[in-house]
Amino acid sequence: MKFLTLLLTLAFSLSLTACNTVEGVGKDVEAAGDAIEDSADENKNY
């Protein structure tokens, strides 16, 4: 029972850390998408 509690606590702690990492990756992907969109808008043939 103690081992299970320790394991669940560790998993919960790691998941909180992962949330920050995923949020950072999301911001990077969004910034890259914005840059691609801006470049496409600048190079449109009207």
PDB file of N, CA and C in Angstrom:
ATOM      1  N   MET A   1       0.820  -1.189   0.000  1.00  0.00           N
ATOM      2  CA  MET A   1       0.000   0.000   0.000  1.00  0.00           C
ATOM      3  C   MET A   1       0.868   1.259   0.000  1.00  0.00           C
ATOM      4  N   LYS A   2       1.949   1.255   0.785  1.00  0.00           N
ATOM      5  CA  LYS A   2       2.839   2.412   0.805  1.00  0.00           C
ATOM      6  C   LYS A   2       3.497   2.613  -0.555  1.00  0.00           C
ATOM      7  N   PHE A   3       3.856   1.490  -1.199  1.00  0.00           N
ATOM      8  CA  PHE A   3       4.490   1.574  -2.514  1.00  0.00           C
ATOM      9  C   PHE A   3       3.532   2.191  -3.529  1.00  0.00           C
ATOM     10  N   LEU A   4       2.268   1.798  -3.484  1.00  0.00           N
ATOM     11  CA  LEU A   4       1.268   2.334  -4.401  1.00  0.00           C
ATOM     12  C   LEU A   4       1.073   3.829  -4.175  1.00  0.00           C
ATOM     13  N   THR A   5       1.022   4.237  -2.932  1.00  0.00           N
ATOM     14  CA  THR A   5       0.886   5.654  -2.606  1.00  0.00           C
ATOM     15  C   THR A   5       2.079   6.443  -3.112  1.00  0.00           C
ATOM     16  N   LEU A   6       3.264   5.912  -2.905  1.00  0.00           N
ATOM     17  CA  LEU A   6       4.481   6.566  -3.393  1.00  0.00           C
ATOM     18  C   LEU A   6       4.472   6.661  -4.909  1.00  0.00           C
ATOM     19  N   LEU A   7       4.075   5.608  -5.567  1.00  0.00           N
ATOM     20  CA  LEU A   7       4.029   5.583  -7.023  1.00  0.00           C
ATOM     21  C   LEU A   7       3.027   6.600  -7.561  1.00  0.00           C
ATOM     22  N   LEU A   8       1.858   6.668  -6.964  1.00  0.00           N
ATOM     23  CA  LEU A   8       0.849   7.639  -7.401  1.00  0.00           C
ATOM     24  C   LEU A   8       1.304   9.075  -7.150  1.00  0.00           C
ATOM     25  N   THR A   9       1.959   9.310  -6.035  1.00  0.00           N
ATOM     26  CA  THR A   9       2.476  10.645  -5.739  1.00  0.00           C
ATOM     27  C   THR A   9       3.536  11.052  -6.752  1.00  0.00           C
ATOM     28  N   LEU A  10       4.411  10.137  -7.077  1.00  0.00           N
ATOM     29  CA  LEU A  10       5.450  10.412  -8.072  1.00  0.00           C
ATOM     30  C   LEU A  10       4.833  10.681  -9.438  1.00  0.00           C
ATOM     31  N   ALA A  11       3.860   9.885  -9.838  1.00  0.00           N
ATOM     32  CA  ALA A  11       3.204  10.072 -11.131  1.00  0.00           C
ATOM     33  C   ALA A  11       2.501  11.424 -11.191  1.00  0.00           C
ATOM     34  N   PHE A  12       1.835  11.806 -10.108  1.00  0.00           N
ATOM     35  CA  PHE A  12       1.151  13.096 -10.059  1.00  0.00           C
ATOM     36  C   PHE A  12       2.158  14.243 -10.168  1.00  0.00           C
ATOM     37  N   SER A  13       3.280  14.135  -9.472  1.00  0.00           N
ATOM     38  CA  SER A  13       4.307  15.178  -9.515  1.00  0.00           C
ATOM     39  C   SER A  13       4.878  15.326 -10.917  1.00  0.00           C
ATOM     40  N   LEU A  14       5.127  14.214 -11.567  1.00  0.00           N
ATOM     41  CA  LEU A  14       5.658  14.262 -12.926  1.00  0.00           C
ATOM     42  C   LEU A  14       4.646  14.840 -13.906  1.00  0.00           C
ATOM     43  N   SER A  15       3.380  14.558 -13.696  1.00  0.00           N
ATOM     44  CA  SER A  15       2.361  15.089 -14.604  1.00  0.00           C
ATOM     45  C   SER A  15       2.261  16.606 -14.481  1.00  0.00           C
ATOM     46  N   LEU A  16       2.455  17.144 -13.289  1.00  0.00           N
ATOM     47  CA  LEU A  16       2.438  18.601 -13.133  1.00  0.00           C
ATOM     48  C   LEU A  16       3.608  19.240 -13.857  1.00  0.00           C
ATOM     49  N   THR A  17       4.748  18.614 -13.817  1.00  0.00           N
ATOM     50  CA  THR A  17       5.919  19.118 -14.533  1.00  0.00           C
ATOM     51  C   THR A  17       5.684  19.045 -16.025  1.00  0.00           C
ATOM     52  N   ALA A  18       5.075  17.977 -16.487  1.00  0.00           N
ATOM     53  CA  ALA A  18       4.815  17.801 -17.911  1.00  0.00           C
ATOM     54  C   ALA A  18       3.854  18.860 -18.432  1.00  0.00           C
ATOM     55  N   CYS A  19       2.929  19.312 -17.605  1.00  0.00           N
ATOM     56  CA  CYS A  19       1.990  20.339 -18.050  1.00  0.00           C
ATOM     57  C   CYS A  19       2.735  21.606 -18.464  1.00  0.00           C
ATOM     58  N   ASN A  20       3.721  21.996 -17.691  1.00  0.00           N
ATOM     59  CA  ASN A  20       4.505  23.181 -18.040  1.00  0.00           C
ATOM     60  C   ASN A  20       5.256  22.956 -19.347  1.00  0.00           C
ATOM     61  N   THR A  21       5.787  21.781 -19.533  1.00  0.00           N
ATOM     62  CA  THR A  21       6.529  21.479 -20.754  1.00  0.00           C
ATOM     63  C   THR A  21       5.594  21.492 -21.958  1.00  0.00           C
ATOM     64  N   VAL A  22       4.444  20.883 -21.841  1.00  0.00           N
ATOM     65  CA  VAL A  22       3.480  20.849 -22.940  1.00  0.00           C
ATOM     66  C   VAL A  22       2.995  22.255 -23.267  1.00  0.00           C
ATOM     67  N   GLU A  23       2.802  23.065 -22.257  1.00  0.00           N
ATOM     68  CA  GLU A  23       2.374  24.438 -22.495  1.00  0.00           C
ATOM     69  C   GLU A  23       3.441  25.196 -23.281  1.00  0.00           C
ATOM     70  N   GLY A  24       4.702  24.992 -22.929  1.00  0.00           N
ATOM     71  CA  GLY A  24       5.797  25.646 -23.647  1.00  0.00           C
ATOM     72  C   GLY A  24       5.886  25.195 -25.092  1.00  0.00           C
ATOM     73  N   VAL A  25       5.712  23.914 -25.324  1.00  0.00           N
ATOM     74  CA  VAL A  25       5.728  23.394 -26.696  1.00  0.00           C
ATOM     75  C   VAL A  25       4.557  23.980 -27.474  1.00  0.00           C
ATOM     76  N   GLY A  26       3.401  24.070 -26.851  1.00  0.00           N
ATOM     77  CA  GLY A  26       2.240  24.657 -27.515  1.00  0.00           C
ATOM     78  C   GLY A  26       2.485  26.089 -27.940  1.00  0.00           C
ATOM     79  N   LYS A  27       3.131  26.858 -27.094  1.00  0.00           N
ATOM     80  CA  LYS A  27       3.448  28.246 -27.440  1.00  0.00           C
ATOM     81  C   LYS A  27       4.436  28.302 -28.595  1.00  0.00           C
ATOM     82  N   ASP A  28       5.433  27.418 -28.605  1.00  0.00           N
ATOM     83  CA  ASP A  28       6.404  27.383 -29.697  1.00  0.00           C
ATOM     84  C   ASP A  28       5.740  27.020 -31.014  1.00  0.00           C
ATOM     85  N   VAL A  29       4.857  26.032 -30.995  1.00  0.00           N
ATOM     86  CA  VAL A  29       4.155  25.614 -32.211  1.00  0.00           C
ATOM     87  C   VAL A  29       3.253  26.742 -32.707  1.00  0.00           C
ATOM     88  N   GLU A  30       2.597  27.423 -31.791  1.00  0.00           N
ATOM     89  CA  GLU A  30       1.734  28.536 -32.178  1.00  0.00           C
ATOM     90  C   GLU A  30       2.546  29.663 -32.825  1.00  0.00           C
ATOM     91  N   ALA A  31       3.703  29.960 -32.259  1.00  0.00           N
ATOM     92  CA  ALA A  31       4.560  31.002 -32.822  1.00  0.00           C
ATOM     93  C   ALA A  31       5.045  30.615 -34.221  1.00  0.00           C
ATOM     94  N   ALA A  32       5.391  29.354 -34.407  1.00  0.00           N
ATOM     95  CA  ALA A  32       5.820  28.897 -35.724  1.00  0.00           C
ATOM     96  C   ALA A  32       4.671  29.001 -36.722  1.00  0.00           C
ATOM     97  N   GLY A  33       3.474  28.634 -36.308  1.00  0.00           N
ATOM     98  CA  GLY A  33       2.305  28.747 -37.176  1.00  0.00           C
ATOM     99  C   GLY A  33       2.025  30.186 -37.559  1.00  0.00           C
ATOM    100  N   ASP A  34       2.160  31.096 -36.613  1.00  0.00           N
ATOM    101  CA  ASP A  34       1.966  32.518 -36.907  1.00  0.00           C
ATOM    102  C   ASP A  34       2.992  33.015 -37.916  1.00  0.00           C
ATOM    103  N   ALA A  35       4.237  32.589 -37.775  1.00  0.00           N
ATOM    104  CA  ALA A  35       5.284  33.001 -38.711  1.00  0.00           C
ATOM    105  C   ALA A  35       4.996  32.479 -40.116  1.00  0.00           C
ATOM    106  N   ILE A  36       4.541  31.251 -40.224  1.00  0.00           N
ATOM    107  CA  ILE A  36       4.207  30.680 -41.523  1.00  0.00           C
ATOM    108  C   ILE A  36       3.025  31.423 -42.145  1.00  0.00           C
ATOM    109  N   GLU A  37       2.036  31.722 -41.328  1.00  0.00           N
ATOM    110  CA  GLU A  37       0.868  32.447 -41.820  1.00  0.00           C
ATOM    111  C   GLU A  37       1.253  33.844 -42.305  1.00  0.00           C
ATOM    112  N   ASP A  38       2.098  34.527 -41.546  1.00  0.00           N
ATOM    113  CA  ASP A  38       2.549  35.862 -41.953  1.00  0.00           C
ATOM    114  C   ASP A  38       3.322  35.806 -43.261  1.00  0.00           C
ATOM    115  N   SER A  39       4.189  34.827 -43.402  1.00  0.00           N
ATOM    116  CA  SER A  39       4.969  34.668 -44.628  1.00  0.00           C
ATOM    117  C   SER A  39       4.055  34.384 -45.817  1.00  0.00           C
ATOM    118  N   ALA A  40       3.059  33.546 -45.612  1.00  0.00           N
ATOM    119  CA  ALA A  40       2.117  33.232 -46.692  1.00  0.00           C
ATOM    120  C   ALA A  40       1.335  34.478 -47.093  1.00  0.00           C
ATOM    121  N   ASP A  41       0.919  35.277 -46.117  1.00  0.00           N
ATOM    122  CA  ASP A  41       0.186  36.504 -46.424  1.00  0.00           C
ATOM    123  C   ASP A  41       1.056  37.479 -47.220  1.00  0.00           C
ATOM    124  N   GLU A  42       2.336  37.561 -46.888  1.00  0.00           N
ATOM    125  CA  GLU A  42       3.240  38.484 -47.582  1.00  0.00           C
ATOM    126  C   GLU A  42       3.511  38.034 -49.015  1.00  0.00           C
ATOM    127  N   ASN A  43       3.413  36.746 -49.292  1.00  0.00           N
ATOM    128  CA  ASN A  43       3.764  36.239 -50.609  1.00  0.00           C
ATOM    129  C   ASN A  43       2.564  35.818 -51.452  1.00  0.00           C
ATOM    130  N   LYS A  44       1.394  36.293 -51.107  1.00  0.00           N
ATOM    131  CA  LYS A  44       0.196  35.969 -51.876  1.00  0.00           C
ATOM    132  C   LYS A  44       0.262  36.676 -53.233  1.00  0.00           C
ATOM    133  N   ASN A  45      -0.203  35.972 -54.238  1.00  0.00           N
ATOM    134  CA  ASN A  45      -0.333  36.600 -55.560  1.00  0.00           C
ATOM    135  C   ASN A  45      -1.780  37.070 -55.698  1.00  0.00           C
ATOM    136  N   TYR A  46      -1.952  38.363 -55.771  1.00  0.00           N
ATOM    137  CA  TYR A  46      -3.308  38.900 -55.885  1.00  0.00           C
ATOM    138  C   TYR A  46      -3.738  38.951 -57.310  1.00  0.00           C
TER     139      TYR A  46
END
